[in-house]
Amino acid sequence: MRAVVSFFYRHFSRLLTTPASLVGKGGQKLTRMEIGDLGECIACAYLKARGCKVLYRNYRGPKGGEVDIVARSGKTLAFVEVKTRTRRGYGRPLDAVDVAKQELIERGANSWLRLLGSRDIPWRFDVVEVILAEDHIPDVNLVLDAF
């Protein structure tokens, strides 16, 4: 069943196959927050197309920490940071995941693992890079074990 879902996401997901529009319904440019939200939606569709199960979006730990996407890839839990850019001139999106951001994600991941009551499952930190250029199909790259 997972292979069928993966096939449909890969080939028919509007988010992955339709050129991006960075203009909202009112004709104004999308805000940074809206672009980030769109990037996260695209990242979720991409992860599903690769056979992952998205468990949660925008997890915030009670004592700080945040994770954009918590997903399961086989038996491995993935804590995924999504970085979205509207052009390539700013460098690679992965470069924006600095030490401070990694610590924030790690706090969120530790909080999630405490909720599970065990750290005895395989887990990793991934980054999904999304490039959204007007009228171009989104360019998505998954960096496994990014840090």
N, C-alpha and C. Protein backbone atom coordinates (compact mmCIF):
# COMPACT_ATOMS: atom_id res chain seq x y z
N MET A 1 0.82 -1.20 0.00
CA MET A 1 0.00 0.00 0.00
C MET A 1 0.87 1.27 0.00
N ARG A 2 1.96 1.26 0.79
CA ARG A 2 2.83 2.43 0.87
C ARG A 2 3.42 2.75 -0.50
N ALA A 3 3.75 1.71 -1.29
CA ALA A 3 4.31 1.92 -2.62
C ALA A 3 3.30 2.62 -3.53
N VAL A 4 2.04 2.30 -3.40
CA VAL A 4 0.99 2.93 -4.21
C VAL A 4 0.86 4.40 -3.85
N VAL A 5 0.83 4.68 -2.54
CA VAL A 5 0.73 6.07 -2.09
C VAL A 5 1.95 6.86 -2.57
N SER A 6 3.12 6.27 -2.43
CA SER A 6 4.35 6.91 -2.88
C SER A 6 4.30 7.22 -4.38
N PHE A 7 3.83 6.29 -5.17
CA PHE A 7 3.72 6.48 -6.62
C PHE A 7 2.82 7.67 -6.93
N PHE A 8 1.65 7.72 -6.28
CA PHE A 8 0.71 8.80 -6.57
C PHE A 8 1.26 10.16 -6.15
N TYR A 9 1.90 10.23 -5.00
CA TYR A 9 2.50 11.50 -4.59
C TYR A 9 3.58 11.94 -5.56
N ARG A 10 4.42 11.01 -5.98
CA ARG A 10 5.53 11.33 -6.86
C ARG A 10 5.04 11.83 -8.21
N HIS A 11 3.97 11.24 -8.73
CA HIS A 11 3.54 11.56 -10.08
C HIS A 11 2.36 12.52 -10.19
N PHE A 12 1.57 12.64 -9.12
CA PHE A 12 0.34 13.42 -9.25
C PHE A 12 0.18 14.53 -8.23
N SER A 13 1.11 14.68 -7.30
CA SER A 13 0.98 15.74 -6.32
C SER A 13 1.14 17.09 -7.00
N ARG A 14 0.13 17.92 -6.91
CA ARG A 14 0.17 19.26 -7.48
C ARG A 14 1.36 20.04 -6.95
N LEU A 15 1.67 19.84 -5.68
CA LEU A 15 2.75 20.59 -5.07
C LEU A 15 4.11 20.29 -5.69
N LEU A 16 4.27 19.06 -6.19
CA LEU A 16 5.56 18.65 -6.75
C LEU A 16 5.64 18.81 -8.26
N THR A 17 4.49 18.92 -8.92
CA THR A 17 4.49 18.90 -10.39
C THR A 17 4.01 20.20 -11.04
N THR A 18 3.55 21.16 -10.25
CA THR A 18 3.02 22.41 -10.79
C THR A 18 4.01 23.55 -10.57
N PRO A 19 4.23 24.38 -11.56
CA PRO A 19 5.12 25.53 -11.37
C PRO A 19 4.64 26.40 -10.20
N ALA A 20 5.58 26.91 -9.45
CA ALA A 20 5.28 27.71 -8.27
C ALA A 20 4.76 29.09 -8.66
N SER A 21 3.85 29.58 -7.84
CA SER A 21 3.39 30.95 -7.96
C SER A 21 3.67 31.63 -6.63
N LEU A 22 4.42 32.69 -6.66
CA LEU A 22 4.78 33.42 -5.45
C LEU A 22 3.90 34.64 -5.23
N VAL A 23 2.73 34.61 -5.88
CA VAL A 23 1.75 35.69 -5.76
C VAL A 23 0.48 35.10 -5.17
N GLY A 24 -0.08 35.78 -4.17
CA GLY A 24 -1.30 35.32 -3.52
C GLY A 24 -2.54 35.63 -4.34
N LYS A 25 -3.68 35.25 -3.80
CA LYS A 25 -4.96 35.45 -4.51
C LYS A 25 -5.28 36.91 -4.74
N GLY A 26 -4.82 37.78 -3.85
CA GLY A 26 -5.09 39.21 -4.00
C GLY A 26 -4.11 39.92 -4.91
N GLY A 27 -3.17 39.18 -5.47
CA GLY A 27 -2.20 39.78 -6.38
C GLY A 27 -0.92 40.25 -5.70
N GLN A 28 -0.86 40.16 -4.35
CA GLN A 28 0.35 40.57 -3.65
C GLN A 28 1.33 39.41 -3.56
N LYS A 29 2.62 39.77 -3.45
CA LYS A 29 3.65 38.75 -3.27
C LYS A 29 3.39 38.01 -1.95
N LEU A 30 3.71 36.73 -1.93
CA LEU A 30 3.59 35.96 -0.70
C LEU A 30 4.57 36.49 0.34
N THR A 31 4.14 36.47 1.60
CA THR A 31 5.03 36.88 2.68
C THR A 31 6.06 35.77 2.94
N ARG A 32 7.10 36.10 3.70
CA ARG A 32 8.10 35.08 4.07
C ARG A 32 7.45 33.91 4.79
N MET A 33 6.48 34.21 5.65
CA MET A 33 5.78 33.15 6.40
C MET A 33 4.99 32.26 5.44
N GLU A 34 4.31 32.86 4.47
CA GLU A 34 3.54 32.07 3.49
C GLU A 34 4.46 31.22 2.61
N ILE A 35 5.61 31.77 2.24
CA ILE A 35 6.58 31.01 1.45
C ILE A 35 7.10 29.84 2.26
N GLY A 36 7.39 30.08 3.53
CA GLY A 36 7.85 29.00 4.41
C GLY A 36 6.80 27.91 4.58
N ASP A 37 5.54 28.31 4.75
CA ASP A 37 4.45 27.32 4.87
C ASP A 37 4.31 26.51 3.59
N LEU A 38 4.40 27.17 2.44
CA LEU A 38 4.32 26.47 1.16
C LEU A 38 5.49 25.49 1.03
N GLY A 39 6.67 25.92 1.43
CA GLY A 39 7.84 25.05 1.40
C GLY A 39 7.64 23.81 2.27
N GLU A 40 7.04 23.97 3.45
CA GLU A 40 6.78 22.83 4.32
C GLU A 40 5.75 21.88 3.70
N CYS A 41 4.73 22.41 3.06
CA CYS A 41 3.74 21.56 2.38
C CYS A 41 4.41 20.76 1.26
N ILE A 42 5.27 21.43 0.50
CA ILE A 42 6.00 20.76 -0.58
C ILE A 42 6.92 19.69 0.01
N ALA A 43 7.60 20.01 1.10
CA ALA A 43 8.49 19.03 1.74
C ALA A 43 7.71 17.81 2.21
N CYS A 44 6.52 18.02 2.78
CA CYS A 44 5.69 16.88 3.21
C CYS A 44 5.31 16.00 2.02
N ALA A 45 4.90 16.63 0.92
CA ALA A 45 4.54 15.86 -0.28
C ALA A 45 5.75 15.09 -0.79
N TYR A 46 6.91 15.72 -0.75
CA TYR A 46 8.14 15.07 -1.22
C TYR A 46 8.49 13.86 -0.34
N LEU A 47 8.40 14.05 0.97
CA LEU A 47 8.69 12.94 1.89
C LEU A 47 7.71 11.78 1.67
N LYS A 48 6.44 12.11 1.49
CA LYS A 48 5.45 11.06 1.22
C LYS A 48 5.75 10.34 -0.09
N ALA A 49 6.20 11.10 -1.09
CA ALA A 49 6.55 10.50 -2.38
C ALA A 49 7.72 9.54 -2.24
N ARG A 50 8.56 9.77 -1.23
CA ARG A 50 9.69 8.88 -0.98
C ARG A 50 9.33 7.74 -0.02
N GLY A 51 8.05 7.64 0.33
CA GLY A 51 7.59 6.53 1.16
C GLY A 51 7.61 6.80 2.65
N CYS A 52 7.86 8.03 3.06
CA CYS A 52 7.85 8.38 4.48
C CYS A 52 6.43 8.65 4.95
N LYS A 53 6.23 8.47 6.23
CA LYS A 53 4.95 8.81 6.83
C LYS A 53 5.16 10.07 7.68
N VAL A 54 4.45 11.12 7.36
CA VAL A 54 4.55 12.37 8.12
C VAL A 54 3.68 12.21 9.37
N LEU A 55 4.33 12.33 10.53
CA LEU A 55 3.62 12.14 11.79
C LEU A 55 3.12 13.45 12.38
N TYR A 56 3.88 14.52 12.20
CA TYR A 56 3.52 15.79 12.83
C TYR A 56 4.23 16.93 12.12
N ARG A 57 3.56 18.08 12.06
CA ARG A 57 4.17 19.29 11.51
C ARG A 57 4.23 20.36 12.58
N ASN A 58 5.32 21.10 12.56
CA ASN A 58 5.51 22.25 13.46
C ASN A 58 5.40 21.87 14.93
N TYR A 59 6.15 20.86 15.33
CA TYR A 59 6.16 20.44 16.73
C TYR A 59 6.95 21.46 17.56
N ARG A 60 6.36 21.89 18.65
CA ARG A 60 7.01 22.80 19.58
C ARG A 60 7.08 22.11 20.94
N GLY A 61 8.28 21.95 21.46
CA GLY A 61 8.46 21.32 22.76
C GLY A 61 8.02 22.25 23.87
N PRO A 62 7.55 21.70 24.99
CA PRO A 62 7.06 22.53 26.09
C PRO A 62 8.17 23.38 26.73
N LYS A 63 9.42 22.97 26.64
CA LYS A 63 10.54 23.73 27.22
C LYS A 63 11.41 24.33 26.11
N GLY A 64 10.80 24.64 25.01
CA GLY A 64 11.55 25.18 23.87
C GLY A 64 11.91 24.07 22.92
N GLY A 65 12.42 24.45 21.81
CA GLY A 65 12.75 23.47 20.79
C GLY A 65 11.63 23.36 19.78
N GLU A 66 12.01 23.13 18.54
CA GLU A 66 11.00 23.02 17.48
C GLU A 66 11.52 22.12 16.37
N VAL A 67 10.57 21.45 15.75
CA VAL A 67 10.87 20.58 14.62
C VAL A 67 9.81 20.86 13.56
N ASP A 68 10.24 21.16 12.33
CA ASP A 68 9.29 21.45 11.26
C ASP A 68 8.43 20.24 10.94
N ILE A 69 9.07 19.08 10.75
CA ILE A 69 8.35 17.86 10.39
C ILE A 69 8.94 16.70 11.16
N VAL A 70 8.06 15.92 11.78
CA VAL A 70 8.48 14.64 12.37
C VAL A 70 7.91 13.57 11.44
N ALA A 71 8.78 12.72 10.92
CA ALA A 71 8.37 11.71 9.95
C ALA A 71 8.99 10.37 10.30
N ARG A 72 8.42 9.33 9.74
CA ARG A 72 8.98 7.99 9.90
C ARG A 72 9.36 7.47 8.53
N SER A 73 10.60 7.02 8.43
CA SER A 73 11.10 6.42 7.20
C SER A 73 11.48 4.99 7.56
N GLY A 74 10.60 4.06 7.21
CA GLY A 74 10.81 2.68 7.64
C GLY A 74 10.70 2.62 9.15
N LYS A 75 11.75 2.14 9.81
CA LYS A 75 11.75 2.08 11.27
C LYS A 75 12.48 3.26 11.91
N THR A 76 12.93 4.19 11.07
CA THR A 76 13.70 5.33 11.56
C THR A 76 12.82 6.57 11.68
N LEU A 77 12.96 7.25 12.82
CA LEU A 77 12.26 8.51 13.05
C LEU A 77 13.15 9.63 12.51
N ALA A 78 12.57 10.51 11.71
CA ALA A 78 13.32 11.62 11.12
C ALA A 78 12.77 12.94 11.63
N PHE A 79 13.66 13.76 12.17
CA PHE A 79 13.32 15.11 12.58
C PHE A 79 13.83 16.01 11.46
N VAL A 80 12.89 16.64 10.77
CA VAL A 80 13.20 17.30 9.50
C VAL A 80 13.06 18.82 9.63
N GLU A 81 14.11 19.51 9.24
CA GLU A 81 14.09 20.96 9.12
C GLU A 81 13.87 21.29 7.64
N VAL A 82 12.98 22.24 7.36
CA VAL A 82 12.71 22.65 5.98
C VAL A 82 13.25 24.07 5.79
N LYS A 83 14.05 24.22 4.75
CA LYS A 83 14.57 25.54 4.39
C LYS A 83 14.13 25.86 2.97
N THR A 84 13.39 26.96 2.84
CA THR A 84 12.83 27.35 1.54
C THR A 84 13.46 28.66 1.08
N ARG A 85 13.82 28.69 -0.17
CA ARG A 85 14.36 29.90 -0.79
C ARG A 85 13.61 30.17 -2.09
N THR A 86 13.58 31.44 -2.49
CA THR A 86 12.91 31.79 -3.74
C THR A 86 13.90 32.01 -4.87
N ARG A 87 15.19 31.90 -4.56
CA ARG A 87 16.22 31.95 -5.60
C ARG A 87 17.51 31.36 -5.05
N ARG A 88 18.40 31.04 -5.93
CA ARG A 88 19.64 30.36 -5.55
C ARG A 88 20.76 31.31 -5.13
N GLY A 89 20.61 32.59 -5.34
CA GLY A 89 21.68 33.54 -5.08
C GLY A 89 22.11 33.67 -3.63
N TYR A 90 21.34 33.14 -2.70
CA TYR A 90 21.66 33.29 -1.28
C TYR A 90 22.47 32.13 -0.73
N GLY A 91 22.93 31.25 -1.57
CA GLY A 91 23.65 30.07 -1.10
C GLY A 91 22.69 28.92 -0.88
N ARG A 92 23.26 27.82 -0.50
CA ARG A 92 22.48 26.61 -0.30
C ARG A 92 21.61 26.73 0.96
N PRO A 93 20.34 26.34 0.88
CA PRO A 93 19.47 26.43 2.06
C PRO A 93 20.03 25.69 3.28
N LEU A 94 20.70 24.57 3.06
CA LEU A 94 21.30 23.81 4.16
C LEU A 94 22.24 24.67 4.99
N ASP A 95 22.92 25.61 4.35
CA ASP A 95 23.88 26.46 5.07
C ASP A 95 23.21 27.32 6.13
N ALA A 96 21.91 27.54 6.04
CA ALA A 96 21.18 28.35 7.02
C ALA A 96 20.89 27.57 8.31
N VAL A 97 21.15 26.28 8.30
CA VAL A 97 20.92 25.48 9.51
C VAL A 97 22.22 25.51 10.32
N ASP A 98 22.40 26.63 11.02
CA ASP A 98 23.63 26.82 11.79
C ASP A 98 23.55 26.10 13.14
N VAL A 99 24.57 26.27 13.97
CA VAL A 99 24.65 25.56 15.24
C VAL A 99 23.48 25.93 16.15
N ALA A 100 23.10 27.20 16.20
CA ALA A 100 21.98 27.62 17.04
C ALA A 100 20.68 26.94 16.59
N LYS A 101 20.46 26.87 15.28
CA LYS A 101 19.25 26.23 14.76
C LYS A 101 19.29 24.74 15.04
N GLN A 102 20.45 24.12 14.90
CA GLN A 102 20.58 22.69 15.20
C GLN A 102 20.24 22.41 16.65
N GLU A 103 20.69 23.27 17.56
CA GLU A 103 20.39 23.08 18.99
C GLU A 103 18.89 23.20 19.25
N LEU A 104 18.24 24.13 18.58
CA LEU A 104 16.79 24.30 18.72
C LEU A 104 16.06 23.03 18.24
N ILE A 105 16.49 22.49 17.11
CA ILE A 105 15.88 21.27 16.57
C ILE A 105 16.17 20.09 17.50
N GLU A 106 17.37 20.00 18.01
CA GLU A 106 17.72 18.92 18.93
C GLU A 106 16.87 18.96 20.20
N ARG A 107 16.62 20.17 20.74
CA ARG A 107 15.74 20.28 21.92
C ARG A 107 14.33 19.78 21.59
N GLY A 108 13.84 20.14 20.41
CA GLY A 108 12.52 19.66 19.99
C GLY A 108 12.50 18.16 19.83
N ALA A 109 13.55 17.60 19.24
CA ALA A 109 13.64 16.15 19.05
C ALA A 109 13.70 15.43 20.39
N ASN A 110 14.49 15.96 21.32
CA ASN A 110 14.57 15.34 22.64
C ASN A 110 13.23 15.37 23.36
N SER A 111 12.49 16.45 23.18
CA SER A 111 11.15 16.54 23.76
C SER A 111 10.23 15.48 23.16
N TRP A 112 10.29 15.31 21.84
CA TRP A 112 9.47 14.29 21.16
C TRP A 112 9.83 12.89 21.67
N LEU A 113 11.12 12.63 21.80
CA LEU A 113 11.56 11.31 22.27
C LEU A 113 11.13 11.07 23.72
N ARG A 114 11.10 12.11 24.54
CA ARG A 114 10.58 11.96 25.91
C ARG A 114 9.11 11.59 25.90
N LEU A 115 8.35 12.17 24.96
CA LEU A 115 6.93 11.82 24.84
C LEU A 115 6.76 10.34 24.51
N LEU A 116 7.67 9.81 23.70
CA LEU A 116 7.61 8.39 23.35
C LEU A 116 8.02 7.50 24.52
N GLY A 117 8.78 8.07 25.45
CA GLY A 117 9.21 7.30 26.60
C GLY A 117 10.43 6.43 26.34
N SER A 118 11.06 6.61 25.17
CA SER A 118 12.22 5.79 24.85
C SER A 118 13.07 6.48 23.78
N ARG A 119 14.38 6.30 23.92
CA ARG A 119 15.31 6.77 22.89
C ARG A 119 15.89 5.58 22.14
N ASP A 120 15.31 4.40 22.40
CA ASP A 120 15.84 3.16 21.83
C ASP A 120 15.30 2.85 20.45
N ILE A 121 15.01 3.88 19.69
CA ILE A 121 14.60 3.70 18.30
C ILE A 121 15.59 4.46 17.43
N PRO A 122 15.82 4.00 16.22
CA PRO A 122 16.74 4.76 15.36
C PRO A 122 16.11 6.09 14.96
N TRP A 123 16.91 7.15 15.00
CA TRP A 123 16.43 8.48 14.61
C TRP A 123 17.59 9.28 14.04
N ARG A 124 17.21 10.32 13.29
CA ARG A 124 18.22 11.15 12.63
C ARG A 124 17.64 12.55 12.39
N PHE A 125 18.55 13.45 11.99
CA PHE A 125 18.17 14.82 11.63
C PHE A 125 18.37 15.00 10.14
N ASP A 126 17.30 15.37 9.44
CA ASP A 126 17.36 15.61 8.00
C ASP A 126 17.03 17.07 7.71
N VAL A 127 17.40 17.52 6.54
CA VAL A 127 17.02 18.85 6.07
C VAL A 127 16.45 18.69 4.66
N VAL A 128 15.30 19.31 4.42
CA VAL A 128 14.73 19.37 3.08
C VAL A 128 14.94 20.79 2.57
N GLU A 129 15.64 20.89 1.44
CA GLU A 129 15.86 22.17 0.79
C GLU A 129 14.82 22.34 -0.32
N VAL A 130 14.14 23.48 -0.30
CA VAL A 130 13.13 23.75 -1.33
C VAL A 130 13.47 25.08 -1.99
N ILE A 131 13.59 25.06 -3.32
CA ILE A 131 13.80 26.28 -4.09
C ILE A 131 12.52 26.54 -4.87
N LEU A 132 11.89 27.68 -4.59
CA LEU A 132 10.65 28.07 -5.27
C LEU A 132 10.94 29.27 -6.17
N ALA A 133 11.05 29.03 -7.43
CA ALA A 133 11.24 30.12 -8.40
C ALA A 133 9.92 30.28 -9.16
N GLU A 134 9.52 31.51 -9.32
CA GLU A 134 8.25 31.81 -10.01
C GLU A 134 8.17 31.08 -11.34
N ASP A 135 7.05 30.40 -11.57
CA ASP A 135 6.75 29.67 -12.81
C ASP A 135 7.68 28.50 -13.09
N HIS A 136 8.34 27.98 -12.06
CA HIS A 136 9.18 26.79 -12.20
C HIS A 136 8.70 25.72 -11.22
N ILE A 137 8.83 24.47 -11.61
CA ILE A 137 8.50 23.37 -10.72
C ILE A 137 9.46 23.44 -9.52
N PRO A 138 8.96 23.25 -8.30
CA PRO A 138 9.84 23.33 -7.13
C PRO A 138 11.02 22.36 -7.24
N ASP A 139 12.18 22.85 -6.85
CA ASP A 139 13.38 22.03 -6.79
C ASP A 139 13.55 21.60 -5.33
N VAL A 140 13.47 20.30 -5.08
CA VAL A 140 13.50 19.77 -3.71
C VAL A 140 14.66 18.82 -3.56
N ASN A 141 15.38 18.97 -2.46
CA ASN A 141 16.51 18.11 -2.17
C ASN A 141 16.45 17.67 -0.71
N LEU A 142 16.56 16.38 -0.47
CA LEU A 142 16.57 15.83 0.89
C LEU A 142 18.00 15.51 1.28
N VAL A 143 18.44 16.09 2.40
CA VAL A 143 19.77 15.82 2.94
C VAL A 143 19.58 14.92 4.17
N LEU A 144 19.94 13.66 4.03
CA LEU A 144 19.80 12.70 5.13
C LEU A 144 20.95 12.91 6.12
N ASP A 145 20.66 12.69 7.41
CA ASP A 145 21.69 12.83 8.45
C ASP A 145 22.48 14.12 8.27
N ALA A 146 21.75 15.23 8.17
CA ALA A 146 22.38 16.52 7.87
C ALA A 146 23.32 17.00 8.98
N PHE A 147 23.01 16.62 10.21
CA PHE A 147 23.88 17.02 11.33
C PHE A 147 23.73 16.03 12.47
